[in-house]
Amino acid sequence: QVIIGSGSWIIITKLVAETGGTAASAGYQIAFRNFVFFILPAWGLSNAAATLVGQNLGAKQFDRAEQSVWMTSKYSAVLMGLVTILLLALADPLIRIFTEDEAVAAYGIEGLRIIASGFIFYGISMVLSQALNGAGDTKTPTRINFLCFWIFQTPLAYVLVTKTDLNTAGAMVAIPLAHILLTCLAWYVFKQGKWRNVKV
């Protein structure tokens, strides 16, 4: 699952470098680094969800396992919502900590604000995916990741970059859109409840 996600980010990086040049590449890399830092709390919550699901399934507490995931999703959504507000408001000073180059800063600020728009979905999708992993159903989130990142995000990023006026920003726009789709699919699959019957 990690390889699938990381591989799609490599393609995004390549599109940015090819269409925006050095300034865009540097600016968006600063945005990416900020993204990785601010998403860490959601990683912690998603790992907690995996643990809670595994523990409760082991205790045959199926309803409690599901309730713990929905509760963790809510916490993650609220926390990532606060992060979204923070990054949208402070994108400029945050990016300028890392660069004094105006062109690089402009791309970084733009990229960070675009990425920040999807933080709530990042948080929820991470919790739901890890919940499935915690239940022992690792194949389903892997398939969902492949669909969202390689079948949807990568081609969409290419089209937005090369065929629209968004240009380089199109690569960034594809990221939150892919995670919205990921969240919807993960929510649907988890809601079906088949993870309750997975044998590990």
N, C-alpha and C. Protein backbone atom coordinates (compact mmCIF):
# COMPACT_ATOMS: atom_id res chain seq x y z
N GLN A 1 0.82 -1.21 0.00
CA GLN A 1 0.00 0.00 0.00
C GLN A 1 0.86 1.26 0.00
N VAL A 2 1.93 1.23 0.78
CA VAL A 2 2.82 2.39 0.86
C VAL A 2 3.54 2.61 -0.47
N ILE A 3 3.96 1.53 -1.09
CA ILE A 3 4.64 1.63 -2.39
C ILE A 3 3.71 2.23 -3.43
N ILE A 4 2.45 1.82 -3.42
CA ILE A 4 1.47 2.34 -4.37
C ILE A 4 1.32 3.85 -4.21
N GLY A 5 1.16 4.28 -2.96
CA GLY A 5 1.01 5.71 -2.70
C GLY A 5 2.26 6.51 -3.03
N SER A 6 3.41 6.00 -2.62
CA SER A 6 4.68 6.70 -2.86
C SER A 6 4.98 6.78 -4.35
N GLY A 7 4.68 5.71 -5.06
CA GLY A 7 4.93 5.71 -6.50
C GLY A 7 4.13 6.76 -7.24
N SER A 8 2.88 6.96 -6.82
CA SER A 8 2.06 7.98 -7.48
C SER A 8 2.58 9.38 -7.18
N TRP A 9 3.14 9.59 -5.98
CA TRP A 9 3.72 10.89 -5.64
C TRP A 9 4.96 11.17 -6.50
N ILE A 10 5.69 10.13 -6.84
CA ILE A 10 6.86 10.30 -7.71
C ILE A 10 6.43 10.83 -9.08
N ILE A 11 5.32 10.29 -9.59
CA ILE A 11 4.81 10.76 -10.89
C ILE A 11 4.36 12.21 -10.79
N ILE A 12 3.70 12.56 -9.69
CA ILE A 12 3.27 13.95 -9.48
C ILE A 12 4.49 14.87 -9.48
N THR A 13 5.53 14.45 -8.78
CA THR A 13 6.77 15.24 -8.71
C THR A 13 7.38 15.42 -10.09
N LYS A 14 7.37 14.36 -10.89
CA LYS A 14 7.92 14.41 -12.24
C LYS A 14 7.12 15.38 -13.12
N LEU A 15 5.79 15.35 -13.02
CA LEU A 15 4.96 16.27 -13.79
C LEU A 15 5.24 17.71 -13.43
N VAL A 16 5.39 17.97 -12.14
CA VAL A 16 5.68 19.33 -11.67
C VAL A 16 7.02 19.80 -12.21
N ALA A 17 8.03 18.95 -12.13
CA ALA A 17 9.37 19.32 -12.59
C ALA A 17 9.39 19.59 -14.09
N GLU A 18 8.66 18.78 -14.84
CA GLU A 18 8.67 18.92 -16.30
C GLU A 18 7.91 20.16 -16.78
N THR A 19 6.87 20.54 -16.06
CA THR A 19 6.03 21.64 -16.54
C THR A 19 6.31 22.97 -15.85
N GLY A 20 6.81 22.92 -14.61
CA GLY A 20 7.02 24.16 -13.88
C GLY A 20 8.47 24.53 -13.69
N GLY A 21 9.37 23.60 -14.01
CA GLY A 21 10.79 23.90 -13.87
C GLY A 21 11.29 23.82 -12.44
N THR A 22 12.46 24.35 -12.23
CA THR A 22 13.13 24.26 -10.93
C THR A 22 12.36 24.96 -9.81
N ALA A 23 11.82 26.14 -10.11
CA ALA A 23 11.11 26.90 -9.08
C ALA A 23 9.88 26.15 -8.60
N ALA A 24 9.10 25.61 -9.52
CA ALA A 24 7.91 24.85 -9.14
C ALA A 24 8.28 23.59 -8.38
N SER A 25 9.30 22.90 -8.85
CA SER A 25 9.73 21.68 -8.18
C SER A 25 10.16 21.96 -6.75
N ALA A 26 10.97 23.00 -6.56
CA ALA A 26 11.44 23.36 -5.22
C ALA A 26 10.29 23.81 -4.33
N GLY A 27 9.40 24.65 -4.87
CA GLY A 27 8.29 25.16 -4.08
C GLY A 27 7.34 24.08 -3.64
N TYR A 28 7.01 23.18 -4.56
CA TYR A 28 6.08 22.11 -4.21
C TYR A 28 6.72 21.09 -3.27
N GLN A 29 8.03 20.90 -3.38
CA GLN A 29 8.70 20.00 -2.43
C GLN A 29 8.62 20.55 -1.00
N ILE A 30 8.73 21.86 -0.88
CA ILE A 30 8.57 22.47 0.46
C ILE A 30 7.14 22.24 0.95
N ALA A 31 6.17 22.38 0.05
CA ALA A 31 4.77 22.14 0.42
C ALA A 31 4.57 20.68 0.84
N PHE A 32 5.19 19.74 0.09
CA PHE A 32 5.09 18.32 0.43
C PHE A 32 5.65 18.03 1.82
N ARG A 33 6.79 18.65 2.12
CA ARG A 33 7.43 18.41 3.42
C ARG A 33 6.54 18.91 4.56
N ASN A 34 5.91 20.05 4.36
CA ASN A 34 4.97 20.55 5.36
C ASN A 34 3.76 19.62 5.49
N PHE A 35 3.31 19.12 4.37
CA PHE A 35 2.19 18.18 4.37
C PHE A 35 2.53 16.94 5.20
N VAL A 36 3.70 16.37 4.97
CA VAL A 36 4.13 15.17 5.69
C VAL A 36 4.18 15.43 7.19
N PHE A 37 4.65 16.61 7.58
CA PHE A 37 4.73 16.92 9.01
C PHE A 37 3.35 17.05 9.64
N PHE A 38 2.46 17.79 8.99
CA PHE A 38 1.16 18.08 9.59
C PHE A 38 0.18 16.91 9.52
N ILE A 39 0.51 15.90 8.70
CA ILE A 39 -0.37 14.73 8.61
C ILE A 39 -0.04 13.69 9.67
N LEU A 40 1.06 13.89 10.41
CA LEU A 40 1.50 12.91 11.40
C LEU A 40 0.44 12.58 12.47
N PRO A 41 -0.30 13.56 12.99
CA PRO A 41 -1.34 13.21 13.97
C PRO A 41 -2.38 12.24 13.40
N ALA A 42 -2.72 12.40 12.13
CA ALA A 42 -3.68 11.48 11.51
C ALA A 42 -3.09 10.08 11.39
N TRP A 43 -1.78 10.00 11.16
CA TRP A 43 -1.12 8.69 11.13
C TRP A 43 -1.27 8.02 12.48
N GLY A 44 -1.06 8.78 13.55
CA GLY A 44 -1.19 8.22 14.89
C GLY A 44 -2.59 7.71 15.16
N LEU A 45 -3.59 8.50 14.78
CA LEU A 45 -4.98 8.09 14.99
C LEU A 45 -5.35 6.88 14.14
N SER A 46 -4.83 6.82 12.92
CA SER A 46 -5.14 5.68 12.06
C SER A 46 -4.52 4.39 12.60
N ASN A 47 -3.32 4.49 13.15
CA ASN A 47 -2.71 3.32 13.77
C ASN A 47 -3.48 2.89 15.02
N ALA A 48 -4.00 3.87 15.75
CA ALA A 48 -4.83 3.55 16.91
C ALA A 48 -6.10 2.82 16.47
N ALA A 49 -6.68 3.25 15.36
CA ALA A 49 -7.89 2.61 14.84
C ALA A 49 -7.61 1.15 14.48
N ALA A 50 -6.46 0.91 13.85
CA ALA A 50 -6.10 -0.46 13.49
C ALA A 50 -5.97 -1.33 14.72
N THR A 51 -5.35 -0.79 15.76
CA THR A 51 -5.18 -1.53 17.01
C THR A 51 -6.52 -1.82 17.67
N LEU A 52 -7.39 -0.82 17.71
CA LEU A 52 -8.70 -0.98 18.34
C LEU A 52 -9.55 -2.02 17.61
N VAL A 53 -9.50 -1.99 16.29
CA VAL A 53 -10.27 -2.97 15.52
C VAL A 53 -9.74 -4.38 15.77
N GLY A 54 -8.43 -4.55 15.68
CA GLY A 54 -7.86 -5.88 15.89
C GLY A 54 -8.15 -6.41 17.28
N GLN A 55 -8.02 -5.55 18.27
CA GLN A 55 -8.25 -5.96 19.66
C GLN A 55 -9.71 -6.34 19.90
N ASN A 56 -10.62 -5.53 19.40
CA ASN A 56 -12.04 -5.79 19.62
C ASN A 56 -12.55 -6.98 18.82
N LEU A 57 -12.01 -7.17 17.63
CA LEU A 57 -12.39 -8.36 16.86
C LEU A 57 -11.90 -9.62 17.58
N GLY A 58 -10.70 -9.53 18.13
CA GLY A 58 -10.17 -10.66 18.88
C GLY A 58 -11.04 -11.00 20.09
N ALA A 59 -11.65 -9.97 20.67
CA ALA A 59 -12.53 -10.17 21.82
C ALA A 59 -13.98 -10.43 21.40
N LYS A 60 -14.22 -10.56 20.10
CA LYS A 60 -15.56 -10.80 19.55
C LYS A 60 -16.51 -9.64 19.83
N GLN A 61 -15.95 -8.44 20.00
CA GLN A 61 -16.75 -7.24 20.23
C GLN A 61 -16.88 -6.48 18.90
N PHE A 62 -17.68 -7.02 17.99
CA PHE A 62 -17.75 -6.48 16.64
C PHE A 62 -18.33 -5.05 16.60
N ASP A 63 -19.38 -4.83 17.35
CA ASP A 63 -19.99 -3.49 17.36
C ASP A 63 -19.03 -2.46 17.95
N ARG A 64 -18.32 -2.86 19.00
CA ARG A 64 -17.37 -1.94 19.62
C ARG A 64 -16.22 -1.62 18.67
N ALA A 65 -15.83 -2.60 17.87
CA ALA A 65 -14.79 -2.38 16.87
C ALA A 65 -15.22 -1.32 15.87
N GLU A 66 -16.46 -1.45 15.39
CA GLU A 66 -16.98 -0.48 14.42
C GLU A 66 -17.13 0.90 15.05
N GLN A 67 -17.66 0.95 16.26
CA GLN A 67 -17.85 2.23 16.94
C GLN A 67 -16.53 2.95 17.16
N SER A 68 -15.49 2.19 17.46
CA SER A 68 -14.19 2.80 17.71
C SER A 68 -13.63 3.45 16.44
N VAL A 69 -13.94 2.84 15.29
CA VAL A 69 -13.46 3.40 14.02
C VAL A 69 -14.19 4.69 13.69
N TRP A 70 -15.52 4.70 13.88
CA TRP A 70 -16.27 5.92 13.59
C TRP A 70 -15.86 7.05 14.54
N MET A 71 -15.61 6.71 15.80
CA MET A 71 -15.18 7.72 16.76
C MET A 71 -13.81 8.27 16.39
N THR A 72 -12.89 7.37 16.02
CA THR A 72 -11.55 7.80 15.63
C THR A 72 -11.61 8.66 14.36
N SER A 73 -12.49 8.30 13.45
CA SER A 73 -12.66 9.08 12.22
C SER A 73 -13.12 10.51 12.53
N LYS A 74 -14.03 10.63 13.48
CA LYS A 74 -14.52 11.95 13.87
C LYS A 74 -13.39 12.79 14.48
N TYR A 75 -12.62 12.18 15.37
CA TYR A 75 -11.50 12.89 15.97
C TYR A 75 -10.51 13.33 14.91
N SER A 76 -10.23 12.43 13.98
CA SER A 76 -9.28 12.75 12.91
C SER A 76 -9.80 13.87 12.03
N ALA A 77 -11.09 13.85 11.71
CA ALA A 77 -11.69 14.88 10.87
C ALA A 77 -11.61 16.25 11.54
N VAL A 78 -11.92 16.28 12.84
CA VAL A 78 -11.86 17.55 13.59
C VAL A 78 -10.43 18.07 13.64
N LEU A 79 -9.49 17.19 13.97
CA LEU A 79 -8.09 17.59 14.06
C LEU A 79 -7.56 18.08 12.73
N MET A 80 -7.86 17.34 11.67
CA MET A 80 -7.39 17.73 10.34
C MET A 80 -8.11 18.98 9.83
N GLY A 81 -9.33 19.21 10.30
CA GLY A 81 -10.03 20.44 9.97
C GLY A 81 -9.30 21.65 10.54
N LEU A 82 -8.83 21.51 11.77
CA LEU A 82 -8.05 22.58 12.40
C LEU A 82 -6.73 22.80 11.66
N VAL A 83 -6.12 21.71 11.23
CA VAL A 83 -4.87 21.82 10.45
C VAL A 83 -5.14 22.54 9.14
N THR A 84 -6.27 22.23 8.51
CA THR A 84 -6.63 22.89 7.25
C THR A 84 -6.71 24.39 7.43
N ILE A 85 -7.42 24.83 8.47
CA ILE A 85 -7.55 26.26 8.76
C ILE A 85 -6.19 26.89 9.00
N LEU A 86 -5.36 26.19 9.78
CA LEU A 86 -4.02 26.68 10.09
C LEU A 86 -3.19 26.88 8.82
N LEU A 87 -3.19 25.88 7.96
CA LEU A 87 -2.35 25.94 6.76
C LEU A 87 -2.87 26.95 5.74
N LEU A 88 -4.17 27.05 5.61
CA LEU A 88 -4.72 28.04 4.68
C LEU A 88 -4.40 29.45 5.14
N ALA A 89 -4.42 29.67 6.44
CA ALA A 89 -4.16 31.00 6.98
C ALA A 89 -2.67 31.33 7.03
N LEU A 90 -1.85 30.33 7.28
CA LEU A 90 -0.42 30.58 7.52
C LEU A 90 0.50 29.98 6.46
N ALA A 91 -0.04 29.65 5.31
CA ALA A 91 0.78 29.06 4.25
C ALA A 91 1.94 29.98 3.87
N ASP A 92 1.67 31.26 3.76
CA ASP A 92 2.71 32.22 3.35
C ASP A 92 3.89 32.22 4.32
N PRO A 93 3.69 32.51 5.62
CA PRO A 93 4.84 32.52 6.52
C PRO A 93 5.49 31.16 6.69
N LEU A 94 4.72 30.08 6.62
CA LEU A 94 5.30 28.75 6.76
C LEU A 94 6.27 28.44 5.63
N ILE A 95 5.87 28.74 4.41
CA ILE A 95 6.72 28.47 3.25
C ILE A 95 7.96 29.36 3.28
N ARG A 96 7.80 30.61 3.70
CA ARG A 96 8.93 31.55 3.68
C ARG A 96 9.97 31.24 4.76
N ILE A 97 9.65 30.34 5.67
CA ILE A 97 10.67 29.87 6.61
C ILE A 97 11.78 29.14 5.85
N PHE A 98 11.41 28.50 4.74
CA PHE A 98 12.33 27.62 4.02
C PHE A 98 12.97 28.25 2.79
N THR A 99 12.45 29.37 2.33
CA THR A 99 13.02 29.98 1.12
C THR A 99 12.79 31.49 1.09
N GLU A 100 13.72 32.19 0.48
CA GLU A 100 13.57 33.64 0.26
C GLU A 100 13.34 33.95 -1.20
N ASP A 101 13.39 32.91 -2.03
CA ASP A 101 13.16 33.07 -3.46
C ASP A 101 11.67 33.27 -3.71
N GLU A 102 11.29 34.38 -4.32
CA GLU A 102 9.88 34.71 -4.51
C GLU A 102 9.15 33.71 -5.41
N ALA A 103 9.83 33.26 -6.47
CA ALA A 103 9.20 32.31 -7.38
C ALA A 103 8.95 30.98 -6.69
N VAL A 104 9.93 30.51 -5.95
CA VAL A 104 9.80 29.25 -5.21
C VAL A 104 8.71 29.37 -4.15
N ALA A 105 8.71 30.49 -3.43
CA ALA A 105 7.72 30.72 -2.38
C ALA A 105 6.30 30.74 -2.94
N ALA A 106 6.13 31.36 -4.10
CA ALA A 106 4.80 31.45 -4.71
C ALA A 106 4.26 30.06 -5.03
N TYR A 107 5.11 29.21 -5.60
CA TYR A 107 4.68 27.84 -5.90
C TYR A 107 4.41 27.07 -4.61
N GLY A 108 5.25 27.25 -3.62
CA GLY A 108 5.08 26.55 -2.36
C GLY A 108 3.79 26.92 -1.65
N ILE A 109 3.49 28.22 -1.63
CA ILE A 109 2.26 28.69 -0.99
C ILE A 109 1.03 28.14 -1.72
N GLU A 110 1.07 28.22 -3.04
CA GLU A 110 -0.02 27.69 -3.85
C GLU A 110 -0.21 26.20 -3.60
N GLY A 111 0.90 25.45 -3.64
CA GLY A 111 0.83 24.01 -3.45
C GLY A 111 0.32 23.62 -2.07
N LEU A 112 0.79 24.31 -1.04
CA LEU A 112 0.38 23.99 0.32
C LEU A 112 -1.11 24.26 0.53
N ARG A 113 -1.60 25.36 -0.03
CA ARG A 113 -3.02 25.68 0.12
C ARG A 113 -3.91 24.67 -0.61
N ILE A 114 -3.46 24.23 -1.77
CA ILE A 114 -4.24 23.23 -2.51
C ILE A 114 -4.27 21.91 -1.74
N ILE A 115 -3.11 21.47 -1.29
CA ILE A 115 -3.03 20.21 -0.54
C ILE A 115 -3.83 20.30 0.75
N ALA A 116 -3.75 21.46 1.41
CA ALA A 116 -4.45 21.65 2.69
C ALA A 116 -5.96 21.49 2.56
N SER A 117 -6.49 21.76 1.39
CA SER A 117 -7.94 21.67 1.19
C SER A 117 -8.47 20.26 1.38
N GLY A 118 -7.59 19.28 1.33
CA GLY A 118 -8.06 17.89 1.46
C GLY A 118 -7.71 17.21 2.75
N PHE A 119 -7.22 17.96 3.74
CA PHE A 119 -6.72 17.33 4.97
C PHE A 119 -7.79 16.52 5.71
N ILE A 120 -9.01 16.99 5.73
CA ILE A 120 -10.07 16.24 6.41
C ILE A 120 -10.24 14.86 5.76
N PHE A 121 -10.19 14.85 4.44
CA PHE A 121 -10.34 13.57 3.73
C PHE A 121 -9.11 12.67 3.93
N TYR A 122 -7.92 13.28 4.00
CA TYR A 122 -6.73 12.48 4.28
C TYR A 122 -6.90 11.76 5.61
N GLY A 123 -7.35 12.52 6.63
CA GLY A 123 -7.47 11.95 7.96
C GLY A 123 -8.48 10.82 8.02
N ILE A 124 -9.64 11.01 7.42
CA ILE A 124 -10.69 9.99 7.46
C ILE A 124 -10.28 8.75 6.67
N SER A 125 -9.75 8.96 5.47
CA SER A 125 -9.36 7.82 4.63
C SER A 125 -8.26 6.99 5.28
N MET A 126 -7.34 7.64 5.96
CA MET A 126 -6.26 6.92 6.63
C MET A 126 -6.81 6.05 7.76
N VAL A 127 -7.75 6.58 8.53
CA VAL A 127 -8.35 5.82 9.62
C VAL A 127 -9.11 4.60 9.07
N LEU A 128 -9.92 4.81 8.05
CA LEU A 128 -10.72 3.72 7.50
C LEU A 128 -9.85 2.64 6.86
N SER A 129 -8.81 3.07 6.14
CA SER A 129 -7.91 2.10 5.51
C SER A 129 -7.17 1.27 6.55
N GLN A 130 -6.67 1.94 7.58
CA GLN A 130 -5.95 1.23 8.63
C GLN A 130 -6.89 0.34 9.45
N ALA A 131 -8.14 0.74 9.57
CA ALA A 131 -9.12 -0.10 10.26
C ALA A 131 -9.30 -1.42 9.52
N LEU A 132 -9.36 -1.35 8.19
CA LEU A 132 -9.46 -2.58 7.39
C LEU A 132 -8.21 -3.43 7.55
N ASN A 133 -7.05 -2.76 7.57
CA ASN A 133 -5.81 -3.49 7.79
C ASN A 133 -5.81 -4.17 9.15
N GLY A 134 -6.29 -3.44 10.16
CA GLY A 134 -6.34 -3.99 11.51
C GLY A 134 -7.26 -5.19 11.62
N ALA A 135 -8.27 -5.24 10.75
CA ALA A 135 -9.18 -6.37 10.73
C ALA A 135 -8.60 -7.56 9.96
N GLY A 136 -7.44 -7.35 9.36
CA GLY A 136 -6.80 -8.41 8.59
C GLY A 136 -7.13 -8.38 7.11
N ASP A 137 -7.95 -7.41 6.68
CA ASP A 137 -8.32 -7.29 5.27
C ASP A 137 -7.36 -6.30 4.59
N THR A 138 -6.16 -6.76 4.30
CA THR A 138 -5.16 -5.88 3.68
C THR A 138 -5.33 -5.76 2.17
N LYS A 139 -6.03 -6.72 1.56
CA LYS A 139 -6.19 -6.70 0.10
C LYS A 139 -7.10 -5.56 -0.35
N THR A 140 -8.19 -5.34 0.39
CA THR A 140 -9.15 -4.32 -0.02
C THR A 140 -8.55 -2.91 -0.04
N PRO A 141 -7.90 -2.44 1.03
CA PRO A 141 -7.30 -1.11 0.95
C PRO A 141 -6.19 -1.01 -0.09
N THR A 142 -5.51 -2.12 -0.35
CA THR A 142 -4.48 -2.11 -1.40
C THR A 142 -5.12 -1.87 -2.76
N ARG A 143 -6.23 -2.56 -3.01
CA ARG A 143 -6.94 -2.37 -4.29
C ARG A 143 -7.50 -0.95 -4.40
N ILE A 144 -8.04 -0.44 -3.30
CA ILE A 144 -8.59 0.92 -3.30
C ILE A 144 -7.48 1.94 -3.57
N ASN A 145 -6.35 1.75 -2.92
CA ASN A 145 -5.21 2.65 -3.14
C ASN A 145 -4.76 2.63 -4.59
N PHE A 146 -4.69 1.45 -5.17
CA PHE A 146 -4.26 1.33 -6.57
C PHE A 146 -5.25 2.06 -7.49
N LEU A 147 -6.53 1.85 -7.24
CA LEU A 147 -7.57 2.49 -8.06
C LEU A 147 -7.49 4.01 -7.94
N CYS A 148 -7.40 4.51 -6.71
CA CYS A 148 -7.45 5.95 -6.48
C CYS A 148 -6.18 6.66 -6.92
N PHE A 149 -5.01 6.05 -6.66
CA PHE A 149 -3.76 6.73 -6.93
C PHE A 149 -3.21 6.49 -8.34
N TRP A 150 -3.40 5.30 -8.88
CA TRP A 150 -2.83 5.01 -10.20
C TRP A 150 -3.85 5.08 -11.34
N ILE A 151 -5.07 4.64 -11.07
CA ILE A 151 -6.09 4.67 -12.12
C ILE A 151 -6.77 6.03 -12.19
N PHE A 152 -6.86 6.73 -11.04
CA PHE A 152 -7.55 8.02 -11.00
C PHE A 152 -6.59 9.20 -10.88
N GLN A 153 -5.80 9.25 -9.81
CA GLN A 153 -4.99 10.43 -9.53
C GLN A 153 -3.94 10.72 -10.59
N THR A 154 -3.17 9.71 -10.97
CA THR A 154 -2.07 9.94 -11.91
C THR A 154 -2.55 10.41 -13.28
N PRO A 155 -3.53 9.73 -13.90
CA PRO A 155 -4.04 10.24 -15.18
C PRO A 155 -4.69 11.61 -15.06
N LEU A 156 -5.44 11.82 -13.95
CA LEU A 156 -6.09 13.12 -13.74
C LEU A 156 -5.05 14.23 -13.64
N ALA A 157 -3.98 13.97 -12.89
CA ALA A 157 -2.92 14.97 -12.76
C ALA A 157 -2.33 15.31 -14.12
N TYR A 158 -2.10 14.30 -14.93
CA TYR A 158 -1.53 14.52 -16.27
C TYR A 158 -2.47 15.38 -17.12
N VAL A 159 -3.76 15.05 -17.09
CA VAL A 159 -4.74 15.80 -17.89
C VAL A 159 -4.83 17.24 -17.40
N LEU A 160 -4.90 17.44 -16.09
CA LEU A 160 -5.02 18.79 -15.55
C LEU A 160 -3.78 19.64 -15.83
N VAL A 161 -2.63 19.00 -15.82
CA VAL A 161 -1.38 19.73 -16.07
C VAL A 161 -1.23 20.08 -17.54
N THR A 162 -1.54 19.14 -18.41
CA THR A 162 -1.24 19.32 -19.84
C THR A 162 -2.40 19.84 -20.68
N LYS A 163 -3.64 19.66 -20.19
CA LYS A 163 -4.79 19.99 -21.02
C LYS A 163 -5.65 21.13 -20.49
N THR A 164 -5.29 21.69 -19.34
CA THR A 164 -6.10 22.78 -18.77
C THR A 164 -5.21 23.98 -18.44
N ASP A 165 -5.86 25.07 -18.05
CA ASP A 165 -5.14 26.28 -17.68
C ASP A 165 -4.52 26.20 -16.29
N LEU A 166 -4.81 25.13 -15.57
CA LEU A 166 -4.23 24.96 -14.24
C LEU A 166 -2.72 24.78 -14.30
N ASN A 167 -2.26 24.21 -15.40
CA ASN A 167 -0.83 23.94 -15.59
C ASN A 167 -0.27 23.14 -14.40
N THR A 168 0.82 23.62 -13.82
CA THR A 168 1.48 22.86 -12.75
C THR A 168 0.57 22.63 -11.55
N ALA A 169 -0.28 23.58 -11.25
CA ALA A 169 -1.18 23.44 -10.11
C ALA A 169 -2.13 22.26 -10.26
N GLY A 170 -2.34 21.84 -11.50
CA GLY A 170 -3.21 20.69 -11.74
C GLY A 170 -2.72 19.43 -11.06
N ALA A 171 -1.40 19.29 -10.95
CA ALA A 171 -0.84 18.12 -10.27
C ALA A 171 -1.23 18.11 -8.80
N MET A 172 -1.26 19.31 -8.20
CA MET A 172 -1.64 19.42 -6.80
C MET A 172 -3.15 19.19 -6.61
N VAL A 173 -3.95 19.70 -7.54
CA VAL A 173 -5.40 19.56 -7.45
C VAL A 173 -5.82 18.09 -7.46
N ALA A 174 -5.08 17.27 -8.21
CA ALA A 174 -5.42 15.85 -8.31
C ALA A 174 -5.29 15.13 -6.97
N ILE A 175 -4.44 15.63 -6.07
CA ILE A 175 -4.18 14.95 -4.80
C ILE A 175 -5.40 14.96 -3.88
N PRO A 176 -5.98 16.11 -3.53
CA PRO A 176 -7.18 16.07 -2.69
C PRO A 176 -8.36 15.39 -3.36
N LEU A 177 -8.49 15.52 -4.69
CA LEU A 177 -9.58 14.87 -5.39
C LEU A 177 -9.47 13.35 -5.28
N ALA A 178 -8.25 12.83 -5.39
CA ALA A 178 -8.03 11.39 -5.26
C ALA A 178 -8.37 10.91 -3.86
N HIS A 179 -8.06 11.72 -2.87
CA HIS A 179 -8.35 11.33 -1.49
C HIS A 179 -9.84 11.44 -1.15
N ILE A 180 -10.54 12.32 -1.82
CA ILE A 180 -12.00 12.36 -1.65
C ILE A 180 -12.59 11.04 -2.14
N LEU A 181 -12.13 10.59 -3.31
CA LEU A 181 -12.59 9.31 -3.85
C LEU A 181 -12.20 8.17 -2.93
N LEU A 182 -10.97 8.20 -2.44
CA LEU A 182 -10.48 7.17 -1.52
C LEU A 182 -11.34 7.10 -0.26
N THR A 183 -11.68 8.26 0.28
CA THR A 183 -12.51 8.30 1.48
C THR A 183 -13.88 7.69 1.22
N CYS A 184 -14.48 8.04 0.11
CA CYS A 184 -15.81 7.52 -0.23
C CYS A 184 -15.79 6.00 -0.39
N LEU A 185 -14.79 5.49 -1.09
CA LEU A 185 -14.69 4.05 -1.31
C LEU A 185 -14.41 3.30 -0.01
N ALA A 186 -13.48 3.84 0.78
CA ALA A 186 -13.14 3.19 2.05
C ALA A 186 -14.35 3.20 3.00
N TRP A 187 -15.08 4.31 3.02
CA TRP A 187 -16.28 4.40 3.85
C TRP A 187 -17.30 3.37 3.41
N TYR A 188 -17.52 3.26 2.10
CA TYR A 188 -18.50 2.29 1.57
C TYR A 188 -18.12 0.86 1.93
N VAL A 189 -16.86 0.52 1.72
CA VAL A 189 -16.40 -0.84 2.00
C VAL A 189 -16.50 -1.15 3.49
N PHE A 190 -16.07 -0.22 4.32
CA PHE A 190 -16.12 -0.45 5.76
C PHE A 190 -17.56 -0.59 6.23
N LYS A 191 -18.44 0.22 5.68
CA LYS A 191 -19.85 0.19 6.05
C LYS A 191 -20.49 -1.15 5.70
N GLN A 192 -20.00 -1.82 4.65
CA GLN A 192 -20.55 -3.12 4.26
C GLN A 192 -20.35 -4.17 5.33
N GLY A 193 -19.27 -4.03 6.11
CA GLY A 193 -19.06 -4.92 7.25
C GLY A 193 -18.43 -6.26 6.97
N LYS A 194 -17.95 -6.48 5.74
CA LYS A 194 -17.35 -7.77 5.42
C LYS A 194 -16.05 -8.00 6.20
N TRP A 195 -15.43 -6.92 6.64
CA TRP A 195 -14.19 -7.02 7.41
C TRP A 195 -14.40 -7.77 8.71
N ARG A 196 -15.64 -7.83 9.18
CA ARG A 196 -15.93 -8.55 10.42
C ARG A 196 -15.65 -10.05 10.30
N ASN A 197 -15.73 -10.55 9.07
CA ASN A 197 -15.62 -12.00 8.86
C ASN A 197 -14.27 -12.44 8.30
N VAL A 198 -13.32 -11.53 8.23
CA VAL A 198 -11.99 -11.89 7.69
C VAL A 198 -11.28 -12.82 8.66
N LYS A 199 -10.73 -13.91 8.11
CA LYS A 199 -9.98 -14.85 8.93
C LYS A 199 -8.48 -14.59 8.78
N VAL A 200 -7.80 -14.38 9.87
CA VAL A 200 -6.37 -14.08 9.84
C VAL A 200 -5.59 -15.34 10.24
